[in-house]
């Protein structure tokens, strides 16, 4: 059963504000990422195309045993000839989240975790919360690409908490889902994704994408 959290930790509240800041003074200049979190612009291969995405994240530490990761925005990198990707927006964002929540990605790209996690069964394993926006909007860029951004103003976010550990028998890193729930104040309507804007700088209305919170029990 999905859980709705009415009370959240300070760390999670801070991360929640990342989706609701727009021009808030607490946001780092040029981004929706809250002060104190790290920002990294990365390249992700999805299907046959390269995408640029901005990640807002924090790494586990001695004072905070939980890391946080969220995609702020993403867009396809223009190429000549143009890269053709027949995947839907839902399939693209799902593939991106699949990549960034892997232990290898947390280790090699975000540099948030050691080479291997502690053995499974070790008390106090560090956790990572992945924040996936429910509501998205797209804006036409000067290079004619679409920039997809998480909608602000408190729209719903799916939070999935993972714990990583090393299985010495199978010699693999296990990624265990500990908990999942929705944060936010309102949802986007169900329905088809709006058509792409046709004017540079034009942004369409927020539309809903599915998240793991729709499927996890």
C-alpha atoms as a PDB file:
ATOM      1  CA  UNK A   1       0.000   0.000   0.000  1.00  0.00           C
ATOM      2  CA  UNK A   2       1.318   3.450  -0.870  1.00  0.00           C
ATOM      3  CA  UNK A   3       2.192   5.641   2.067  1.00  0.00           C
ATOM      4  CA  UNK A   4       1.459   9.349   2.310  1.00  0.00           C
ATOM      5  CA  UNK A   5       3.812  11.156   4.645  1.00  0.00           C
ATOM      6  CA  UNK A   6       2.396  14.136   6.498  1.00  0.00           C
ATOM      7  CA  UNK A   7       5.520  14.542   8.577  1.00  0.00           C
ATOM      8  CA  UNK A   8       8.971  14.495   6.996  1.00  0.00           C
ATOM      9  CA  UNK A   9      12.519  14.996   8.193  1.00  0.00           C
ATOM     10  CA  UNK A  10      14.303  18.309   7.817  1.00  0.00           C
ATOM     11  CA  UNK A  11      16.551  16.825   5.144  1.00  0.00           C
ATOM     12  CA  UNK A  12      13.587  15.621   3.094  1.00  0.00           C
ATOM     13  CA  UNK A  13      11.753  18.905   3.553  1.00  0.00           C
ATOM     14  CA  UNK A  14      14.800  20.685   2.183  1.00  0.00           C
ATOM     15  CA  UNK A  15      14.845  18.400  -0.823  1.00  0.00           C
ATOM     16  CA  UNK A  16      11.115  18.881  -1.340  1.00  0.00           C
ATOM     17  CA  UNK A  17      11.638  22.646  -1.628  1.00  0.00           C
ATOM     18  CA  UNK A  18      13.889  21.991  -4.608  1.00  0.00           C
ATOM     19  CA  UNK A  19      10.739  21.444  -6.672  1.00  0.00           C
ATOM     20  CA  UNK A  20       8.980  24.509  -5.307  1.00  0.00           C
ATOM     21  CA  UNK A  21      11.535  27.294  -5.449  1.00  0.00           C
ATOM     22  CA  UNK A  22      11.507  28.981  -8.847  1.00  0.00           C
ATOM     23  CA  UNK A  23      13.136  32.294  -7.861  1.00  0.00           C
ATOM     24  CA  UNK A  24      13.370  31.613  -4.145  1.00  0.00           C
ATOM     25  CA  UNK A  25      16.356  33.288  -2.508  1.00  0.00           C
ATOM     26  CA  UNK A  26      17.442  29.968  -0.976  1.00  0.00           C
ATOM     27  CA  UNK A  27      18.002  28.415  -4.392  1.00  0.00           C
ATOM     28  CA  UNK A  28      21.445  28.427  -5.900  1.00  0.00           C
ATOM     29  CA  UNK A  29      21.712  30.874  -8.771  1.00  0.00           C
ATOM     30  CA  UNK A  30      20.573  29.451 -12.099  1.00  0.00           C
ATOM     31  CA  UNK A  31      19.069  26.274 -10.696  1.00  0.00           C
ATOM     32  CA  UNK A  32      16.182  24.955  -8.593  1.00  0.00           C
ATOM     33  CA  UNK A  33      18.598  23.010  -6.388  1.00  0.00           C
ATOM     34  CA  UNK A  34      18.461  24.188  -2.731  1.00  0.00           C
ATOM     35  CA  UNK A  35      21.464  25.690  -1.004  1.00  0.00           C
ATOM     36  CA  UNK A  36      23.813  23.086   0.417  1.00  0.00           C
ATOM     37  CA  UNK A  37      23.107  20.410  -2.188  1.00  0.00           C
ATOM     38  CA  UNK A  38      25.420  19.497  -5.049  1.00  0.00           C
ATOM     39  CA  UNK A  39      24.658  20.147  -8.713  1.00  0.00           C
ATOM     40  CA  UNK A  40      26.001  18.123 -11.606  1.00  0.00           C
ATOM     41  CA  UNK A  41      25.131  18.334 -15.282  1.00  0.00           C
ATOM     42  CA  UNK A  42      25.541  14.870 -16.760  1.00  0.00           C
ATOM     43  CA  UNK A  43      25.152  13.101 -20.081  1.00  0.00           C
ATOM     44  CA  UNK A  44      22.897  10.053 -20.214  1.00  0.00           C
ATOM     45  CA  UNK A  45      22.517   7.676 -23.128  1.00  0.00           C
ATOM     46  CA  UNK A  46      18.882   6.719 -23.641  1.00  0.00           C
ATOM     47  CA  UNK A  47      18.023   4.592 -26.628  1.00  0.00           C
ATOM     48  CA  UNK A  48      20.080   5.880 -29.536  1.00  0.00           C
ATOM     49  CA  UNK A  49      20.409   9.445 -28.238  1.00  0.00           C
ATOM     50  CA  UNK A  50      22.391  11.484 -25.741  1.00  0.00           C
ATOM     51  CA  UNK A  51      20.562  13.573 -23.173  1.00  0.00           C
ATOM     52  CA  UNK A  52      21.830  16.306 -20.901  1.00  0.00           C
ATOM     53  CA  UNK A  53      20.376  16.334 -17.402  1.00  0.00           C
ATOM     54  CA  UNK A  54      20.916  18.367 -14.263  1.00  0.00           C
ATOM     55  CA  UNK A  55      21.062  16.362 -11.050  1.00  0.00           C
ATOM     56  CA  UNK A  56      20.549  17.846  -7.603  1.00  0.00           C
ATOM     57  CA  UNK A  57      21.968  15.573  -4.928  1.00  0.00           C
ATOM     58  CA  UNK A  58      23.638  15.085  -1.578  1.00  0.00           C
ATOM     59  CA  UNK A  59      25.947  12.286  -0.466  1.00  0.00           C
ATOM     60  CA  UNK A  60      25.672  10.322   2.783  1.00  0.00           C
ATOM     61  CA  UNK A  61      27.946  11.660   5.526  1.00  0.00           C
ATOM     62  CA  UNK A  62      28.779  11.137   9.180  1.00  0.00           C
ATOM     63  CA  UNK A  63      26.099  13.663  10.161  1.00  0.00           C
ATOM     64  CA  UNK A  64      23.510  12.534   7.602  1.00  0.00           C
ATOM     65  CA  UNK A  65      23.449   8.803   6.763  1.00  0.00           C
ATOM     66  CA  UNK A  66      21.052   9.346   3.857  1.00  0.00           C
ATOM     67  CA  UNK A  67      21.846  10.613   0.368  1.00  0.00           C
ATOM     68  CA  UNK A  68      19.356  12.297  -1.957  1.00  0.00           C
ATOM     69  CA  UNK A  69      19.157  12.436  -5.766  1.00  0.00           C
ATOM     70  CA  UNK A  70      16.697  14.162  -8.110  1.00  0.00           C
ATOM     71  CA  UNK A  71      16.556  15.097 -11.778  1.00  0.00           C
ATOM     72  CA  UNK A  72      15.877  18.830 -12.125  1.00  0.00           C
ATOM     73  CA  UNK A  73      15.636  18.929 -15.915  1.00  0.00           C
ATOM     74  CA  UNK A  74      16.710  17.064 -19.028  1.00  0.00           C
ATOM     75  CA  UNK A  75      16.896  17.640 -22.772  1.00  0.00           C
ATOM     76  CA  UNK A  76      18.140  15.813 -25.840  1.00  0.00           C
ATOM     77  CA  UNK A  77      21.532  16.936 -27.103  1.00  0.00           C
ATOM     78  CA  UNK A  78      21.146  18.190 -30.704  1.00  0.00           C
ATOM     79  CA  UNK A  79      23.134  16.330 -33.352  1.00  0.00           C
ATOM     80  CA  UNK A  80      23.631  16.500 -37.115  1.00  0.00           C
ATOM     81  CA  UNK A  81      21.975  14.523 -38.479  1.00  0.00           C
ATOM     82  CA  UNK A  82      19.313  14.651 -35.800  1.00  0.00           C
ATOM     83  CA  UNK A  83      19.182  11.663 -33.479  1.00  0.00           C
ATOM     84  CA  UNK A  84      15.832   9.905 -33.753  1.00  0.00           C
ATOM     85  CA  UNK A  85      14.511   8.325 -30.588  1.00  0.00           C
ATOM     86  CA  UNK A  86      11.112   6.673 -30.794  1.00  0.00           C
ATOM     87  CA  UNK A  87      10.832   6.299 -27.020  1.00  0.00           C
ATOM     88  CA  UNK A  88       8.065   8.088 -25.138  1.00  0.00           C
ATOM     89  CA  UNK A  89       8.848  10.702 -22.482  1.00  0.00           C
ATOM     90  CA  UNK A  90       7.784   8.145 -19.881  1.00  0.00           C
ATOM     91  CA  UNK A  91      10.255   5.594 -21.233  1.00  0.00           C
ATOM     92  CA  UNK A  92      13.044   8.200 -21.359  1.00  0.00           C
ATOM     93  CA  UNK A  93      12.626   9.376 -17.746  1.00  0.00           C
ATOM     94  CA  UNK A  94      12.272   5.783 -16.506  1.00  0.00           C
ATOM     95  CA  UNK A  95      15.526   4.854 -18.231  1.00  0.00           C
ATOM     96  CA  UNK A  96      17.304   7.858 -16.711  1.00  0.00           C
ATOM     97  CA  UNK A  97      16.195   6.954 -13.202  1.00  0.00           C
ATOM     98  CA  UNK A  98      17.233   3.354 -13.784  1.00  0.00           C
ATOM     99  CA  UNK A  99      20.743   4.602 -14.551  1.00  0.00           C
ATOM    100  CA  UNK A 100      21.186   7.130 -11.743  1.00  0.00           C
ATOM    101  CA  UNK A 101      19.969   4.844  -8.974  1.00  0.00           C
ATOM    102  CA  UNK A 102      22.484   2.108  -9.813  1.00  0.00           C
ATOM    103  CA  UNK A 103      25.337   1.684  -7.351  1.00  0.00           C
ATOM    104  CA  UNK A 104      27.883   2.040 -10.141  1.00  0.00           C
ATOM    105  CA  UNK A 105      26.436   5.450 -11.048  1.00  0.00           C
ATOM    106  CA  UNK A 106      26.413   6.618  -7.426  1.00  0.00           C
ATOM    107  CA  UNK A 107      30.048   5.532  -7.159  1.00  0.00           C
ATOM    108  CA  UNK A 108      31.582   6.511 -10.497  1.00  0.00           C
ATOM    109  CA  UNK A 109      29.617   9.622 -11.480  1.00  0.00           C
ATOM    110  CA  UNK A 110      28.289  11.186  -8.275  1.00  0.00           C
ATOM    111  CA  UNK A 111      31.192   9.834  -6.190  1.00  0.00           C
ATOM    112  CA  UNK A 112      28.896   9.339  -3.205  1.00  0.00           C
ATOM    113  CA  UNK A 113      29.662   5.762  -2.194  1.00  0.00           C
ATOM    114  CA  UNK A 114      32.753   3.551  -1.709  1.00  0.00           C
ATOM    115  CA  UNK A 115      33.950   0.949  -4.203  1.00  0.00           C
ATOM    116  CA  UNK A 116      31.755  -1.662  -2.522  1.00  0.00           C
ATOM    117  CA  UNK A 117      29.010  -1.250   0.087  1.00  0.00           C
ATOM    118  CA  UNK A 118      29.181  -3.087   3.439  1.00  0.00           C
ATOM    119  CA  UNK A 119      28.076  -6.735   3.521  1.00  0.00           C
ATOM    120  CA  UNK A 120      24.335  -7.370   3.678  1.00  0.00           C
ATOM    121  CA  UNK A 121      23.155  -7.616   7.266  1.00  0.00           C
ATOM    122  CA  UNK A 122      25.551  -4.910   8.488  1.00  0.00           C
ATOM    123  CA  UNK A 123      23.715  -2.584  10.925  1.00  0.00           C
ATOM    124  CA  UNK A 124      23.268   1.042   9.916  1.00  0.00           C
ATOM    125  CA  UNK A 125      23.676   0.718   6.159  1.00  0.00           C
ATOM    126  CA  UNK A 126      23.574   4.104   4.428  1.00  0.00           C
ATOM    127  CA  UNK A 127      20.484   4.923   2.401  1.00  0.00           C
ATOM    128  CA  UNK A 128      19.759   6.874  -0.758  1.00  0.00           C
ATOM    129  CA  UNK A 129      16.432   8.597  -1.424  1.00  0.00           C
ATOM    130  CA  UNK A 130      15.502   9.140  -5.060  1.00  0.00           C
ATOM    131  CA  UNK A 131      13.040  11.957  -5.682  1.00  0.00           C
ATOM    132  CA  UNK A 132      11.012  11.556  -8.879  1.00  0.00           C
ATOM    133  CA  UNK A 133       8.667  14.348  -9.858  1.00  0.00           C
ATOM    134  CA  UNK A 134       5.142  13.379 -10.877  1.00  0.00           C
ATOM    135  CA  UNK A 135       4.518  16.588 -12.826  1.00  0.00           C
ATOM    136  CA  UNK A 136       6.630  17.834 -15.756  1.00  0.00           C
ATOM    137  CA  UNK A 137       6.525  20.628 -18.301  1.00  0.00           C
ATOM    138  CA  UNK A 138       8.479  21.296 -21.479  1.00  0.00           C
ATOM    139  CA  UNK A 139       9.917  24.461 -22.990  1.00  0.00           C
ATOM    140  CA  UNK A 140      11.100  25.091 -26.554  1.00  0.00           C
ATOM    141  CA  UNK A 141      14.826  25.935 -26.597  1.00  0.00           C
ATOM    142  CA  UNK A 142      16.653  28.204 -29.096  1.00  0.00           C
ATOM    143  CA  UNK A 143      18.222  25.101 -30.690  1.00  0.00           C
ATOM    144  CA  UNK A 144      14.687  23.700 -31.247  1.00  0.00           C
ATOM    145  CA  UNK A 145      15.099  20.991 -28.597  1.00  0.00           C
ATOM    146  CA  UNK A 146      12.626  20.460 -25.765  1.00  0.00           C
ATOM    147  CA  UNK A 147      13.745  21.034 -22.193  1.00  0.00           C
ATOM    148  CA  UNK A 148      11.756  18.945 -19.706  1.00  0.00           C
ATOM    149  CA  UNK A 149      11.596  20.401 -16.196  1.00  0.00           C
ATOM    150  CA  UNK A 150      10.037  19.179 -12.972  1.00  0.00           C
ATOM    151  CA  UNK A 151       7.037  21.375 -12.184  1.00  0.00           C
ATOM    152  CA  UNK A 152       7.392  23.530  -9.100  1.00  0.00           C
ATOM    153  CA  UNK A 153       4.912  24.940  -6.577  1.00  0.00           C
ATOM    154  CA  UNK A 154       4.582  21.826  -4.432  1.00  0.00           C
ATOM    155  CA  UNK A 155       3.457  19.313  -7.019  1.00  0.00           C
ATOM    156  CA  UNK A 156       3.712  15.683  -5.992  1.00  0.00           C
ATOM    157  CA  UNK A 157       7.030  13.823  -5.752  1.00  0.00           C
ATOM    158  CA  UNK A 158       7.555  10.084  -5.469  1.00  0.00           C
ATOM    159  CA  UNK A 159      10.292   9.201  -2.973  1.00  0.00           C
ATOM    160  CA  UNK A 160      11.870   5.756  -3.117  1.00  0.00           C
ATOM    161  CA  UNK A 161      14.477   4.884  -0.475  1.00  0.00           C
ATOM    162  CA  UNK A 162      17.151   2.340  -1.403  1.00  0.00           C
ATOM    163  CA  UNK A 163      19.709   0.528   0.712  1.00  0.00           C
ATOM    164  CA  UNK A 164      22.772  -0.991  -0.933  1.00  0.00           C
ATOM    165  CA  UNK A 165      24.785  -3.930   0.384  1.00  0.00           C
ATOM    166  CA  UNK A 166      27.318  -6.484  -0.830  1.00  0.00           C
ATOM    167  CA  UNK A 167      26.193 -10.090  -1.172  1.00  0.00           C
ATOM    168  CA  UNK A 168      29.380 -12.125  -0.565  1.00  0.00           C
ATOM    169  CA  UNK A 169      27.748 -15.352  -1.747  1.00  0.00           C
ATOM    170  CA  UNK A 170      26.509 -14.119  -5.134  1.00  0.00           C
ATOM    171  CA  UNK A 171      29.308 -11.513  -5.386  1.00  0.00           C
ATOM    172  CA  UNK A 172      26.877  -8.738  -6.342  1.00  0.00           C
ATOM    173  CA  UNK A 173      25.660  -5.422  -4.975  1.00  0.00           C
ATOM    174  CA  UNK A 174      22.067  -5.715  -3.800  1.00  0.00           C
ATOM    175  CA  UNK A 175      19.748  -2.712  -4.116  1.00  0.00           C
ATOM    176  CA  UNK A 176      16.869  -3.115  -1.671  1.00  0.00           C
ATOM    177  CA  UNK A 177      13.835  -0.826  -1.614  1.00  0.00           C
ATOM    178  CA  UNK A 178      13.119   0.073   2.012  1.00  0.00           C
ATOM    179  CA  UNK A 179      10.227   2.477   1.629  1.00  0.00           C
ATOM    180  CA  UNK A 180       8.314   4.617  -0.844  1.00  0.00           C
ATOM    181  CA  UNK A 181       5.773   7.400  -0.487  1.00  0.00           C
ATOM    182  CA  UNK A 182       4.400  10.583  -2.023  1.00  0.00           C
ATOM    183  CA  UNK A 183       5.361  14.085  -0.912  1.00  0.00           C
ATOM    184  CA  UNK A 184       3.602  17.206  -2.116  1.00  0.00           C
ATOM    185  CA  UNK A 185       0.385  19.122  -2.092  1.00  0.00           C
ATOM    186  CA  UNK A 186      -1.331  18.433  -5.417  1.00  0.00           C
ATOM    187  CA  UNK A 187      -1.194  16.115  -8.379  1.00  0.00           C
ATOM    188  CA  UNK A 188      -1.267  16.691 -12.122  1.00  0.00           C
ATOM    189  CA  UNK A 189      -4.273  15.525 -14.109  1.00  0.00           C
ATOM    190  CA  UNK A 190      -4.090  12.227 -15.952  1.00  0.00           C
ATOM    191  CA  UNK A 191      -4.223  12.499 -19.699  1.00  0.00           C
ATOM    192  CA  UNK A 192      -2.109  12.588 -22.840  1.00  0.00           C
ATOM    193  CA  UNK A 193       1.136  14.566 -22.864  1.00  0.00           C
ATOM    194  CA  UNK A 194       0.570  18.067 -24.334  1.00  0.00           C
ATOM    195  CA  UNK A 195       1.928  18.839 -27.779  1.00  0.00           C
ATOM    196  CA  UNK A 196       5.389  20.358 -27.979  1.00  0.00           C
ATOM    197  CA  UNK A 197       5.542  24.175 -27.794  1.00  0.00           C
ATOM    198  CA  UNK A 198       6.363  25.757 -31.150  1.00  0.00           C
ATOM    199  CA  UNK A 199       7.709  29.149 -30.014  1.00  0.00           C
ATOM    200  CA  UNK A 200      11.149  29.557 -28.427  1.00  0.00           C
ATOM    201  CA  UNK A 201      10.746  30.120 -24.684  1.00  0.00           C
ATOM    202  CA  UNK A 202       7.151  28.878 -24.660  1.00  0.00           C
ATOM    203  CA  UNK A 203       6.274  26.428 -21.861  1.00  0.00           C
ATOM    204  CA  UNK A 204       3.256  24.172 -21.852  1.00  0.00           C
ATOM    205  CA  UNK A 205       1.106  23.159 -18.904  1.00  0.00           C
ATOM    206  CA  UNK A 206       2.267  20.524 -16.432  1.00  0.00           C
ATOM    207  CA  UNK A 207       1.510  16.940 -17.342  1.00  0.00           C
ATOM    208  CA  UNK A 208       1.692  13.726 -15.341  1.00  0.00           C
ATOM    209  CA  UNK A 209       4.204  10.906 -15.683  1.00  0.00           C
ATOM    210  CA  UNK A 210       4.024   7.611 -13.843  1.00  0.00           C
ATOM    211  CA  UNK A 211       6.464   6.901 -11.009  1.00  0.00           C
ATOM    212  CA  UNK A 212       7.398   3.802  -8.983  1.00  0.00           C
ATOM    213  CA  UNK A 213       4.914   4.963  -6.329  1.00  0.00           C
ATOM    214  CA  UNK A 214       2.126   4.046  -8.787  1.00  0.00           C
ATOM    215  CA  UNK A 215       3.227   0.409  -8.859  1.00  0.00           C
ATOM    216  CA  UNK A 216       5.098  -0.502  -5.666  1.00  0.00           C
ATOM    217  CA  UNK A 217       3.103  -2.180  -2.920  1.00  0.00           C
END
